[in-house]
Protein backbone atom coordinates (compact mmCIF):
# COMPACT_ATOMS: atom_id res chain seq x y z
CA MET A 1 66.39 106.34 168.08
CA THR A 2 69.49 106.05 165.89
CA LEU A 3 69.58 103.31 163.26
CA SER A 4 72.90 101.64 162.65
CA TYR A 5 73.70 100.41 159.16
CA PRO A 6 76.47 97.95 158.31
CA ARG A 7 79.61 99.61 157.07
CA PRO A 8 80.74 98.78 153.51
CA ALA A 9 83.34 96.31 154.79
CA HIS A 10 80.73 94.66 156.98
CA ARG A 11 78.35 94.40 154.06
CA VAL A 12 81.01 92.63 152.02
CA LEU A 13 81.67 90.25 154.91
CA LEU A 14 77.95 89.52 155.29
CA ALA A 15 77.66 88.84 151.57
CA VAL A 16 80.63 86.48 151.67
CA LEU A 17 79.19 84.65 154.68
CA SER A 18 75.81 84.37 152.96
CA VAL A 19 77.39 82.86 149.83
CA ALA A 20 79.47 80.51 151.96
CA ALA A 21 76.38 79.38 153.85
CA SER A 22 74.59 78.70 150.57
CA VAL A 23 77.54 76.69 149.25
CA LEU A 24 77.74 74.68 152.46
CA THR A 25 74.01 74.02 152.37
CA ALA A 26 74.19 72.84 148.76
CA ALA A 27 77.24 70.70 149.52
CA SER A 28 75.52 69.18 152.54
CA PHE A 29 72.47 68.39 150.43
CA GLN A 30 74.64 66.70 147.79
CA VAL A 31 76.42 64.63 150.43
CA HIS A 32 73.08 63.62 151.97
CA ALA A 33 71.68 62.71 148.54
CA ALA A 34 74.76 60.62 147.74
CA ASP A 35 74.54 58.84 151.09
CA PHE A 36 70.84 58.15 150.52
CA ALA A 37 71.54 56.75 147.04
CA ASP A 38 74.30 54.52 148.43
CA ALA A 39 72.03 53.22 151.16
CA GLN A 40 69.28 52.51 148.63
CA LEU A 41 71.71 50.64 146.39
CA ASP A 42 73.05 48.61 149.28
CA ARG A 43 69.51 47.67 150.28
CA ALA A 44 68.55 46.65 146.74
CA ILE A 45 71.71 44.58 146.19
CA ALA A 46 71.33 42.82 149.55
CA GLY A 47 67.62 42.13 149.01
CA THR A 48 66.37 38.62 149.73
CA HIS A 49 64.48 38.66 146.43
CA ARG A 50 67.81 38.15 144.62
CA SER A 51 68.76 34.49 144.16
CA ALA A 52 71.97 33.07 145.58
CA VAL A 53 73.11 32.36 142.01
CA ASP A 54 72.68 36.01 141.03
CA GLN A 55 74.36 37.30 144.18
CA ALA A 56 77.32 35.01 143.53
CA ARG A 57 78.00 37.02 140.37
CA ASP A 58 78.33 40.34 142.22
CA PRO A 59 82.14 40.05 142.53
CA TYR A 60 82.33 39.85 138.72
CA ARG A 61 79.64 42.38 137.83
CA HIS A 62 80.21 44.99 140.55
CA PRO A 63 76.65 46.38 140.44
CA LYS A 64 77.09 49.10 143.06
CA GLU A 65 80.34 50.44 141.64
CA THR A 66 79.00 50.26 138.08
CA LEU A 67 75.77 52.11 138.81
CA ARG A 68 77.58 54.71 140.91
CA PHE A 69 79.99 55.30 138.03
CA PHE A 70 77.03 55.97 135.75
CA GLY A 71 75.72 58.45 138.34
CA ILE A 72 72.35 56.84 138.98
CA ARG A 73 69.99 58.43 141.52
CA PRO A 74 66.81 56.97 143.04
CA ASP A 75 64.68 59.82 141.66
CA GLN A 76 65.61 59.27 138.01
CA THR A 77 63.74 57.88 135.03
CA VAL A 78 65.81 54.96 133.73
CA ILE A 79 65.44 52.66 130.73
CA GLU A 80 67.11 49.27 130.95
CA ILE A 81 67.75 47.86 127.49
CA ALA A 82 67.41 44.12 126.78
CA PRO A 83 67.22 43.11 130.47
CA GLY A 84 67.36 39.37 129.75
CA ALA A 85 66.26 37.40 132.80
CA GLY A 86 66.37 40.52 134.95
CA TRP A 87 69.72 40.35 136.75
CA TYR A 88 70.01 44.15 136.87
CA THR A 89 66.24 44.64 137.03
CA ASP A 90 66.34 42.99 140.46
CA ILE A 91 68.52 45.88 141.63
CA LEU A 92 67.06 48.74 139.60
CA ALA A 93 63.38 48.02 140.38
CA PRO A 94 63.58 48.40 144.18
CA PHE A 95 66.15 51.20 143.88
CA LEU A 96 63.86 53.32 141.69
CA ARG A 97 60.48 52.18 142.97
CA ASP A 98 59.64 54.92 145.48
CA HIS A 99 61.10 58.03 143.86
CA GLY A 100 61.99 57.20 140.26
CA LYS A 101 60.75 55.17 137.30
CA LEU A 102 62.10 52.06 135.59
CA TYR A 103 61.29 51.15 132.01
CA ALA A 104 62.48 47.83 130.57
CA ALA A 105 62.91 47.52 126.80
CA HIS A 106 62.85 43.78 126.15
CA TYR A 107 62.93 41.89 122.88
CA ALA A 108 59.56 42.06 121.16
CA ALA A 109 57.10 39.21 121.67
CA SER A 110 56.23 39.27 117.96
CA GLY A 111 57.39 40.76 114.68
CA PRO A 112 60.21 40.22 112.17
CA ASP A 113 62.98 40.53 114.78
CA SER A 114 61.41 38.02 117.16
CA ASN A 115 62.14 34.30 117.47
CA ASP A 116 61.28 31.49 119.88
CA TYR A 117 64.25 32.16 122.14
CA ARG A 118 63.42 35.86 122.46
CA ARG A 119 59.69 35.28 122.86
CA GLN A 120 60.28 32.77 125.64
CA GLY A 121 62.76 35.10 127.34
CA ARG A 122 60.27 37.96 127.22
CA ALA A 123 57.50 35.72 128.62
CA ARG A 124 59.70 34.52 131.50
CA TYR A 125 60.70 38.09 132.31
CA GLU A 126 57.09 39.32 132.38
CA ALA A 127 56.03 36.33 134.49
CA LYS A 128 58.78 37.11 136.98
CA LEU A 129 57.61 40.70 137.31
CA ALA A 130 53.96 39.69 137.61
CA ALA A 131 54.75 37.22 140.40
CA ASN A 132 56.02 39.99 142.72
CA PRO A 133 53.96 43.16 142.18
CA ALA A 134 55.16 44.67 145.46
CA LEU A 135 58.66 44.80 144.00
CA TYR A 136 58.14 45.05 140.24
CA GLY A 137 54.63 46.45 139.94
CA LYS A 138 55.78 49.88 138.75
CA VAL A 139 58.17 48.61 136.06
CA VAL A 140 56.95 49.48 132.56
CA VAL A 141 57.86 46.81 129.99
CA GLY A 142 58.11 47.66 126.31
CA ASP A 143 59.96 46.66 123.15
CA LEU A 144 63.63 46.92 122.33
CA PRO A 145 64.14 49.80 119.87
CA VAL A 146 65.39 48.09 116.72
CA ARG A 147 64.73 51.20 114.63
CA GLY A 148 63.34 53.47 117.35
CA PHE A 149 61.31 53.37 120.54
CA THR A 150 57.64 52.66 119.91
CA ASP A 151 56.05 52.17 123.34
CA ILE A 152 58.65 53.52 125.80
CA GLN A 153 58.88 57.28 125.48
CA PRO A 154 59.00 58.98 128.90
CA PRO A 155 57.50 62.48 128.80
CA GLY A 156 60.34 64.99 128.77
CA GLY A 157 62.87 62.24 128.13
CA ALA A 158 64.72 59.71 130.25
CA ASP A 159 67.57 60.56 132.61
CA MET A 160 69.49 57.39 131.86
CA VAL A 161 69.63 54.50 129.40
CA LEU A 162 71.55 51.40 130.53
CA THR A 163 72.74 48.43 128.52
CA PHE A 164 74.74 45.51 129.87
CA ARG A 165 76.54 43.09 127.51
CA ASN A 166 74.28 43.66 124.51
CA ILE A 167 76.29 45.62 121.95
CA HIS A 168 77.68 42.50 120.23
CA ASN A 169 74.13 41.24 119.57
CA TRP A 170 73.12 44.49 117.90
CA ILE A 171 76.20 44.45 115.69
CA LYS A 172 75.27 40.93 114.59
CA ASP A 173 71.62 41.92 114.04
CA GLY A 174 72.63 44.99 112.03
CA HIS A 175 70.87 47.68 114.08
CA LEU A 176 73.56 49.03 116.41
CA ASP A 177 73.56 52.51 114.87
CA ASP A 178 69.76 52.72 114.80
CA SER A 179 69.54 51.60 118.42
CA LEU A 180 72.14 54.11 119.59
CA LYS A 181 70.26 56.87 117.78
CA ALA A 182 67.04 55.73 119.49
CA PHE A 183 68.79 55.91 122.87
CA TYR A 184 69.99 59.41 122.04
CA ASP A 185 66.50 60.55 121.06
CA VAL A 186 64.77 59.14 124.17
CA LEU A 187 67.19 60.82 126.59
CA LYS A 188 66.75 64.36 127.83
CA PRO A 189 69.62 66.79 127.18
CA GLY A 190 72.36 65.95 129.66
CA GLY A 191 71.05 62.39 129.97
CA VAL A 192 73.44 59.46 130.37
CA LEU A 193 73.98 56.32 128.31
CA GLY A 194 75.74 53.67 130.42
CA VAL A 195 77.39 50.80 128.55
CA GLU A 196 78.98 47.59 129.82
CA GLU A 197 80.31 45.24 127.14
CA HIS A 198 82.75 42.36 126.61
CA ARG A 199 86.03 43.98 125.52
CA ALA A 200 88.01 42.77 122.52
CA ARG A 201 91.67 43.39 121.83
CA PRO A 202 92.32 46.60 119.85
CA GLY A 203 92.26 45.95 116.12
CA THR A 204 89.72 43.10 116.27
CA SER A 205 87.63 43.04 113.09
CA VAL A 206 83.86 43.44 113.10
CA ASP A 207 83.50 39.87 111.84
CA GLN A 208 85.53 38.63 114.80
CA MET A 209 83.45 40.76 117.18
CA ILE A 210 80.33 39.04 115.89
CA ALA A 211 81.90 35.59 116.10
CA THR A 212 83.40 35.94 119.59
CA GLY A 213 81.07 38.37 121.38
CA TYR A 214 84.00 40.64 122.25
CA VAL A 215 83.82 44.24 120.95
CA THR A 216 86.62 46.79 120.83
CA GLU A 217 86.27 49.81 123.05
CA ALA A 218 87.23 52.07 120.14
CA TYR A 219 84.34 50.71 118.05
CA VAL A 220 81.73 51.33 120.75
CA ILE A 221 83.00 54.88 121.29
CA GLU A 222 83.09 55.57 117.55
CA ARG A 223 79.50 54.43 116.99
CA ALA A 224 78.15 56.19 120.08
CA GLN A 225 79.80 59.44 119.03
CA ALA A 226 78.39 59.02 115.53
CA ALA A 227 74.93 58.90 117.15
CA GLY A 228 75.62 62.24 118.86
CA PHE A 229 76.91 61.16 122.28
CA LYS A 230 79.96 62.55 124.04
CA LEU A 231 82.23 60.22 125.99
CA ALA A 232 82.06 61.34 129.63
CA GLY A 233 84.17 58.65 131.26
CA ARG A 234 85.50 55.13 131.18
CA SER A 235 86.15 52.79 134.08
CA GLU A 236 88.04 49.56 134.75
CA ILE A 237 85.46 48.46 137.35
CA ASN A 238 84.59 45.37 135.30
CA ALA A 239 88.03 44.61 133.88
CA ASN A 240 89.44 41.06 134.10
CA PRO A 241 93.11 40.73 133.09
CA ARG A 242 92.86 36.91 133.33
CA ASP A 243 90.57 36.85 130.30
CA THR A 244 92.71 35.84 127.28
CA LYS A 245 89.80 36.22 124.80
CA ASP A 246 90.94 33.30 122.62
CA TYR A 247 88.43 30.58 123.42
CA PRO A 248 86.99 28.05 120.98
CA LYS A 249 83.45 29.38 121.35
CA GLY A 250 84.07 33.00 122.16
CA VAL A 251 82.99 34.77 125.31
CA TRP A 252 80.28 32.17 125.90
CA THR A 253 83.03 29.69 126.82
CA LEU A 254 83.48 31.51 130.13
CA PRO A 255 81.04 31.64 133.04
CA PRO A 256 78.18 32.02 133.41
CA SER A 257 77.47 30.36 130.03
CA PHE A 258 80.04 27.52 130.03
CA VAL A 259 78.89 26.50 126.54
CA GLU A 260 81.49 23.72 126.44
CA GLY A 261 79.91 22.06 129.44
CA ASP A 262 82.41 20.22 131.63
CA ARG A 263 85.27 20.53 129.16
CA ASP A 264 88.02 22.59 130.85
CA ARG A 265 85.32 23.95 133.16
CA ALA A 266 87.66 24.38 136.14
CA ARG A 267 90.09 26.43 134.02
CA TYR A 268 87.35 28.70 132.73
CA ALA A 269 85.85 29.06 136.20
CA ALA A 270 89.26 30.16 137.49
CA ILE A 271 89.40 32.86 134.80
CA GLY A 272 85.97 34.14 135.81
CA GLU A 273 83.63 36.27 133.75
CA SER A 274 84.79 38.28 130.76
CA ASP A 275 86.94 41.38 130.66
CA ARG A 276 84.49 44.25 130.16
CA MET A 277 84.59 47.90 129.26
CA THR A 278 82.41 50.27 131.28
CA LEU A 279 81.67 53.50 129.43
CA LYS A 280 79.62 56.56 130.29
CA PHE A 281 78.25 58.73 127.48
CA VAL A 282 76.25 61.95 127.73
CA LYS A 283 73.74 63.56 125.41
CA PRO A 284 75.02 67.14 125.17
CA PRO A 285 72.82 69.74 126.87
CA ILE A 286 71.04 72.30 124.72
CA ARG A 287 73.03 75.51 124.57
CA PRO A 288 71.07 78.79 124.87
């Protein structure tokens, strides 16, 4: 019996075909994973657990596009910072429930940085989660890191930290830099910090940022980079060119706050929610 071996040219061809097959397999897996993530997001956003009031804000907040821009996957460990009443929690909890993990860092129920408003907000948030364990039962609630995380420290680090419209509060409270450093420390190398924030005109002073709730994009980038992050992308997903940013009571004049009540309400409703920056930062990977 005579054995036949591939000729050198054939061996090269086989090697090329093998590499091509591997690339196609990897590409197919990535496409499938992306499709699965999209389907999971669609399901979470369309869920009947979300109130009609919250769903009505989707055209302003663009949850699917925003989370896709940040690169979220259903198998990740994610920390939502200062979740408020849980607008984004309602999407993140079902999205991450089966394959990932959601931590929520809310304002502390006690301590020097607490007050009645924050304590009541934390209590309402925890009551909401407790009322629907099938949906929220795996969410881990801890304290906002004013100086550093104390009770939310995922083993090996988190894949993603998300904050929506909170930066202006931390500037006012004087712990923006400490909080950004805490986010950096809790992320694994290569982890993502996703930021959405009301956007001020370039050149706005810090005092005006505090007074109006609008923050310059340059300031957020500067402070995040000072904490060690690298800017990985910016998006206009949540931009609103109708927002003139010159209201008597700052960003809270616009919906959904309407702090002026019925005064000029129709005009503010026509403007819609604030113009917002959407920024993606990355904790640099460890180099060998």
